[in-house]
Amino acid sequence: MVLYNQVRPEFLNHGAEVLGVSVDGAWCHQAFAKARNLHFPLLADFEPKGGVSKSYGAYREGDGVSERALFVIDKNGVIFWSYRSPLAVNPGADGILNALERLPS
């Protein structure tokens, strides 16, 4: 998440915004964002638990957590690009930036 904080100006140059989503509650997100000095919203997919993550196919039912998943959504609300990363692997920002460069305006 700290990486996306650092790369956020490049996302903004493409007219994109960063949003973090997890099944943790708002208070957990507030503490997490403060500890890491994040400058983008973290959304609580808390109730119903994983509802948003499930709709994107990014919920690990057996573990009760959201996957590490990245999505670039176009101005019409359609998923243009997505990537699911193993939980232990940082997916980086290159794929997102590449997708933003290819995204039709």
N, C-alpha and C. Protein backbone atom coordinates (compact mmCIF):
# COMPACT_ATOMS: atom_id res chain seq x y z
N MET A 1 0.81 -1.19 0.00
CA MET A 1 0.00 0.00 0.00
C MET A 1 0.86 1.26 0.00
N VAL A 2 1.98 1.21 0.68
CA VAL A 2 2.87 2.37 0.71
C VAL A 2 3.36 2.69 -0.70
N LEU A 3 3.63 1.65 -1.49
CA LEU A 3 4.06 1.86 -2.88
C LEU A 3 3.01 2.65 -3.66
N TYR A 4 1.74 2.30 -3.49
CA TYR A 4 0.68 2.99 -4.22
C TYR A 4 0.56 4.44 -3.75
N ASN A 5 0.89 4.68 -2.51
CA ASN A 5 0.94 6.05 -1.99
C ASN A 5 2.00 6.84 -2.74
N GLN A 6 3.15 6.22 -2.97
CA GLN A 6 4.26 6.88 -3.66
C GLN A 6 3.97 7.09 -5.14
N VAL A 7 3.30 6.15 -5.76
CA VAL A 7 3.03 6.20 -7.20
C VAL A 7 1.72 6.94 -7.51
N ARG A 8 0.96 7.27 -6.49
CA ARG A 8 -0.34 7.91 -6.68
C ARG A 8 -0.30 9.13 -7.61
N PRO A 9 0.72 10.01 -7.53
CA PRO A 9 0.75 11.14 -8.48
C PRO A 9 0.73 10.70 -9.95
N GLU A 10 1.39 9.58 -10.25
CA GLU A 10 1.35 9.06 -11.63
C GLU A 10 -0.05 8.58 -11.99
N PHE A 11 -0.72 7.93 -11.03
CA PHE A 11 -2.11 7.50 -11.26
C PHE A 11 -2.99 8.71 -11.53
N LEU A 12 -2.83 9.75 -10.71
CA LEU A 12 -3.63 10.97 -10.87
C LEU A 12 -3.39 11.63 -12.22
N ASN A 13 -2.15 11.57 -12.71
CA ASN A 13 -1.84 12.12 -14.04
C ASN A 13 -2.63 11.43 -15.15
N HIS A 14 -3.02 10.19 -14.89
CA HIS A 14 -3.83 9.42 -15.86
C HIS A 14 -5.32 9.59 -15.58
N GLY A 15 -5.66 10.44 -14.61
CA GLY A 15 -7.07 10.63 -14.26
C GLY A 15 -7.62 9.49 -13.43
N ALA A 16 -6.73 8.74 -12.78
CA ALA A 16 -7.14 7.58 -11.98
C ALA A 16 -6.99 7.88 -10.49
N GLU A 17 -7.69 7.13 -9.69
CA GLU A 17 -7.59 7.25 -8.24
C GLU A 17 -7.33 5.87 -7.65
N VAL A 18 -6.67 5.85 -6.51
CA VAL A 18 -6.38 4.60 -5.79
C VAL A 18 -7.42 4.44 -4.69
N LEU A 19 -7.95 3.23 -4.56
CA LEU A 19 -8.83 2.87 -3.45
C LEU A 19 -8.36 1.53 -2.92
N GLY A 20 -8.26 1.42 -1.62
CA GLY A 20 -7.94 0.14 -1.00
C GLY A 20 -9.22 -0.46 -0.43
N VAL A 21 -9.41 -1.75 -0.59
CA VAL A 21 -10.61 -2.42 -0.08
C VAL A 21 -10.18 -3.66 0.69
N SER A 22 -10.71 -3.83 1.89
CA SER A 22 -10.49 -5.08 2.63
C SER A 22 -11.69 -5.33 3.54
N VAL A 23 -11.75 -6.52 4.10
CA VAL A 23 -12.86 -6.89 4.97
C VAL A 23 -12.71 -6.33 6.38
N ASP A 24 -11.63 -5.63 6.65
CA ASP A 24 -11.45 -5.01 7.96
C ASP A 24 -12.41 -3.84 8.12
N GLY A 25 -12.69 -3.48 9.36
CA GLY A 25 -13.60 -2.39 9.65
C GLY A 25 -12.94 -1.03 9.48
N ALA A 26 -13.77 0.00 9.54
CA ALA A 26 -13.30 1.38 9.34
C ALA A 26 -12.25 1.79 10.36
N TRP A 27 -12.40 1.35 11.62
CA TRP A 27 -11.42 1.74 12.65
C TRP A 27 -10.06 1.10 12.36
N CYS A 28 -10.06 -0.13 11.89
CA CYS A 28 -8.79 -0.79 11.50
C CYS A 28 -8.15 -0.03 10.34
N HIS A 29 -8.96 0.36 9.37
CA HIS A 29 -8.45 1.11 8.22
C HIS A 29 -7.87 2.45 8.65
N GLN A 30 -8.55 3.11 9.57
CA GLN A 30 -8.06 4.40 10.04
C GLN A 30 -6.69 4.25 10.69
N ALA A 31 -6.52 3.25 11.54
CA ALA A 31 -5.23 3.02 12.20
C ALA A 31 -4.16 2.62 11.19
N PHE A 32 -4.52 1.75 10.24
CA PHE A 32 -3.59 1.29 9.21
C PHE A 32 -3.11 2.46 8.36
N ALA A 33 -4.05 3.30 7.91
CA ALA A 33 -3.71 4.45 7.06
C ALA A 33 -2.84 5.45 7.82
N LYS A 34 -3.14 5.67 9.08
CA LYS A 34 -2.36 6.61 9.88
C LYS A 34 -0.94 6.09 10.09
N ALA A 35 -0.80 4.82 10.40
CA ALA A 35 0.52 4.22 10.65
C ALA A 35 1.40 4.26 9.41
N ARG A 36 0.79 4.19 8.23
CA ARG A 36 1.55 4.16 6.98
C ARG A 36 1.48 5.48 6.21
N ASN A 37 0.82 6.47 6.79
CA ASN A 37 0.69 7.79 6.19
C ASN A 37 0.11 7.72 4.77
N LEU A 38 -0.94 6.93 4.61
CA LEU A 38 -1.57 6.76 3.30
C LEU A 38 -2.42 7.98 2.96
N HIS A 39 -2.46 8.32 1.67
CA HIS A 39 -3.19 9.49 1.20
C HIS A 39 -4.29 9.12 0.21
N PHE A 40 -4.86 7.94 0.39
CA PHE A 40 -5.98 7.52 -0.45
C PHE A 40 -6.97 6.75 0.41
N PRO A 41 -8.22 6.68 -0.01
CA PRO A 41 -9.25 6.04 0.80
C PRO A 41 -9.08 4.53 0.92
N LEU A 42 -9.39 4.02 2.11
CA LEU A 42 -9.49 2.59 2.36
C LEU A 42 -10.96 2.31 2.65
N LEU A 43 -11.53 1.40 1.90
CA LEU A 43 -12.95 1.11 2.01
C LEU A 43 -13.17 -0.19 2.77
N ALA A 44 -14.10 -0.17 3.71
CA ALA A 44 -14.38 -1.32 4.57
C ALA A 44 -15.43 -2.21 3.91
N ASP A 45 -15.02 -3.38 3.48
CA ASP A 45 -15.91 -4.40 2.90
C ASP A 45 -16.33 -5.32 4.04
N PHE A 46 -16.88 -4.71 5.08
CA PHE A 46 -17.08 -5.37 6.37
C PHE A 46 -18.46 -6.01 6.50
N GLU A 47 -19.50 -5.35 6.01
CA GLU A 47 -20.84 -5.86 6.20
C GLU A 47 -21.67 -5.62 4.95
N PRO A 48 -22.17 -6.60 4.27
CA PRO A 48 -21.89 -8.00 4.56
C PRO A 48 -20.42 -8.32 4.25
N LYS A 49 -19.82 -9.11 5.10
CA LYS A 49 -18.39 -9.38 5.00
C LYS A 49 -18.02 -9.89 3.62
N GLY A 50 -17.11 -9.14 2.97
CA GLY A 50 -16.60 -9.54 1.67
C GLY A 50 -17.56 -9.35 0.52
N GLY A 51 -18.65 -8.63 0.72
CA GLY A 51 -19.65 -8.45 -0.35
C GLY A 51 -19.07 -7.85 -1.62
N VAL A 52 -18.28 -6.80 -1.47
CA VAL A 52 -17.67 -6.16 -2.64
C VAL A 52 -16.62 -7.07 -3.24
N SER A 53 -15.77 -7.64 -2.39
CA SER A 53 -14.72 -8.55 -2.87
C SER A 53 -15.32 -9.73 -3.62
N LYS A 54 -16.41 -10.27 -3.10
CA LYS A 54 -17.07 -11.39 -3.78
C LYS A 54 -17.56 -10.97 -5.16
N SER A 55 -18.10 -9.76 -5.28
CA SER A 55 -18.63 -9.32 -6.57
C SER A 55 -17.52 -9.15 -7.61
N TYR A 56 -16.29 -8.97 -7.14
CA TYR A 56 -15.14 -8.87 -8.05
C TYR A 56 -14.38 -10.19 -8.15
N GLY A 57 -14.89 -11.24 -7.54
CA GLY A 57 -14.23 -12.54 -7.58
C GLY A 57 -12.90 -12.54 -6.84
N ALA A 58 -12.80 -11.72 -5.79
CA ALA A 58 -11.53 -11.55 -5.09
C ALA A 58 -11.67 -11.83 -3.59
N TYR A 59 -12.55 -12.77 -3.24
CA TYR A 59 -12.75 -13.11 -1.83
C TYR A 59 -12.31 -14.54 -1.58
N ARG A 60 -11.52 -14.74 -0.57
CA ARG A 60 -11.06 -16.09 -0.19
C ARG A 60 -12.00 -16.61 0.89
N GLU A 61 -13.02 -17.32 0.46
CA GLU A 61 -14.09 -17.79 1.35
C GLU A 61 -13.54 -18.58 2.54
N GLY A 62 -12.62 -19.50 2.28
CA GLY A 62 -12.08 -20.33 3.35
C GLY A 62 -11.30 -19.56 4.40
N ASP A 63 -10.68 -18.45 3.98
CA ASP A 63 -9.88 -17.64 4.89
C ASP A 63 -10.63 -16.43 5.42
N GLY A 64 -11.72 -16.07 4.77
CA GLY A 64 -12.49 -14.90 5.19
C GLY A 64 -11.80 -13.58 4.94
N VAL A 65 -10.96 -13.53 3.90
CA VAL A 65 -10.23 -12.29 3.58
C VAL A 65 -10.34 -11.99 2.08
N SER A 66 -10.03 -10.75 1.75
CA SER A 66 -9.94 -10.36 0.35
C SER A 66 -8.59 -10.79 -0.20
N GLU A 67 -8.57 -11.18 -1.46
CA GLU A 67 -7.31 -11.49 -2.12
C GLU A 67 -6.55 -10.21 -2.41
N ARG A 68 -5.26 -10.36 -2.72
CA ARG A 68 -4.49 -9.22 -3.24
C ARG A 68 -4.85 -9.12 -4.71
N ALA A 69 -5.77 -8.25 -5.00
CA ALA A 69 -6.26 -8.11 -6.36
C ALA A 69 -6.21 -6.65 -6.77
N LEU A 70 -5.84 -6.41 -8.01
CA LEU A 70 -5.75 -5.06 -8.56
C LEU A 70 -6.73 -4.96 -9.71
N PHE A 71 -7.41 -3.82 -9.80
CA PHE A 71 -8.36 -3.59 -10.88
C PHE A 71 -8.19 -2.19 -11.43
N VAL A 72 -8.22 -2.06 -12.74
CA VAL A 72 -8.34 -0.76 -13.39
C VAL A 72 -9.73 -0.76 -14.00
N ILE A 73 -10.54 0.20 -13.57
CA ILE A 73 -11.93 0.28 -14.00
C ILE A 73 -12.09 1.52 -14.86
N ASP A 74 -12.69 1.35 -16.03
CA ASP A 74 -12.81 2.50 -16.95
C ASP A 74 -13.91 3.46 -16.51
N LYS A 75 -14.07 4.55 -17.23
CA LYS A 75 -15.02 5.59 -16.85
C LYS A 75 -16.47 5.12 -16.90
N ASN A 76 -16.72 3.98 -17.56
CA ASN A 76 -18.07 3.41 -17.62
C ASN A 76 -18.31 2.37 -16.53
N GLY A 77 -17.32 2.17 -15.67
CA GLY A 77 -17.46 1.20 -14.58
C GLY A 77 -17.15 -0.23 -14.98
N VAL A 78 -16.50 -0.41 -16.13
CA VAL A 78 -16.17 -1.75 -16.63
C VAL A 78 -14.71 -2.06 -16.28
N ILE A 79 -14.47 -3.28 -15.83
CA ILE A 79 -13.10 -3.69 -15.51
C ILE A 79 -12.31 -3.77 -16.81
N PHE A 80 -11.29 -2.93 -16.94
CA PHE A 80 -10.43 -2.90 -18.11
C PHE A 80 -9.25 -3.85 -17.94
N TRP A 81 -8.75 -3.97 -16.71
CA TRP A 81 -7.58 -4.80 -16.42
C TRP A 81 -7.69 -5.29 -14.98
N SER A 82 -7.22 -6.50 -14.75
CA SER A 82 -7.19 -7.02 -13.37
C SER A 82 -6.02 -7.97 -13.20
N TYR A 83 -5.62 -8.13 -11.97
CA TYR A 83 -4.51 -9.04 -11.63
C TYR A 83 -4.71 -9.51 -10.20
N ARG A 84 -4.56 -10.81 -9.99
CA ARG A 84 -4.60 -11.38 -8.65
C ARG A 84 -3.22 -11.89 -8.31
N SER A 85 -2.74 -11.48 -7.17
CA SER A 85 -1.39 -11.82 -6.73
C SER A 85 -1.46 -12.78 -5.55
N PRO A 86 -0.50 -13.70 -5.44
CA PRO A 86 -0.44 -14.51 -4.22
C PRO A 86 -0.33 -13.59 -3.00
N LEU A 87 -0.92 -13.99 -1.87
CA LEU A 87 -0.94 -13.14 -0.69
C LEU A 87 0.44 -12.71 -0.24
N ALA A 88 1.44 -13.55 -0.41
CA ALA A 88 2.78 -13.24 0.07
C ALA A 88 3.60 -12.41 -0.92
N VAL A 89 3.02 -12.08 -2.08
CA VAL A 89 3.77 -11.38 -3.12
C VAL A 89 3.20 -9.97 -3.30
N ASN A 90 4.09 -8.97 -3.28
CA ASN A 90 3.67 -7.60 -3.56
C ASN A 90 3.50 -7.47 -5.07
N PRO A 91 2.30 -7.14 -5.55
CA PRO A 91 2.07 -7.09 -6.99
C PRO A 91 2.68 -5.88 -7.69
N GLY A 92 3.17 -4.91 -6.96
CA GLY A 92 3.79 -3.75 -7.57
C GLY A 92 2.79 -2.85 -8.28
N ALA A 93 3.31 -1.89 -9.03
CA ALA A 93 2.46 -0.90 -9.70
C ALA A 93 2.62 -0.91 -11.22
N ASP A 94 3.59 -1.65 -11.74
CA ASP A 94 3.86 -1.62 -13.18
C ASP A 94 2.66 -2.04 -14.02
N GLY A 95 1.97 -3.09 -13.60
CA GLY A 95 0.80 -3.55 -14.36
C GLY A 95 -0.29 -2.50 -14.41
N ILE A 96 -0.50 -1.83 -13.29
CA ILE A 96 -1.51 -0.77 -13.24
C ILE A 96 -1.14 0.36 -14.18
N LEU A 97 0.11 0.81 -14.10
CA LEU A 97 0.55 1.92 -14.95
C LEU A 97 0.46 1.56 -16.42
N ASN A 98 0.84 0.33 -16.76
CA ASN A 98 0.74 -0.12 -18.15
C ASN A 98 -0.72 -0.10 -18.61
N ALA A 99 -1.62 -0.59 -17.76
CA ALA A 99 -3.04 -0.60 -18.12
C ALA A 99 -3.58 0.82 -18.28
N LEU A 100 -3.16 1.73 -17.40
CA LEU A 100 -3.62 3.12 -17.50
C LEU A 100 -3.15 3.77 -18.79
N GLU A 101 -1.94 3.41 -19.23
CA GLU A 101 -1.43 3.95 -20.49
C GLU A 101 -2.21 3.43 -21.69
N ARG A 102 -2.74 2.22 -21.59
CA ARG A 102 -3.51 1.62 -22.69
C ARG A 102 -5.00 1.93 -22.63
N LEU A 103 -5.44 2.47 -21.51
CA LEU A 103 -6.87 2.74 -21.31
C LEU A 103 -7.35 3.81 -22.29
N PRO A 104 -8.38 3.51 -23.07
CA PRO A 104 -8.90 4.53 -24.00
C PRO A 104 -9.42 5.74 -23.23
N SER A 105 -9.25 6.92 -23.80
CA SER A 105 -9.71 8.13 -23.10
C SER A 105 -11.14 8.48 -23.41
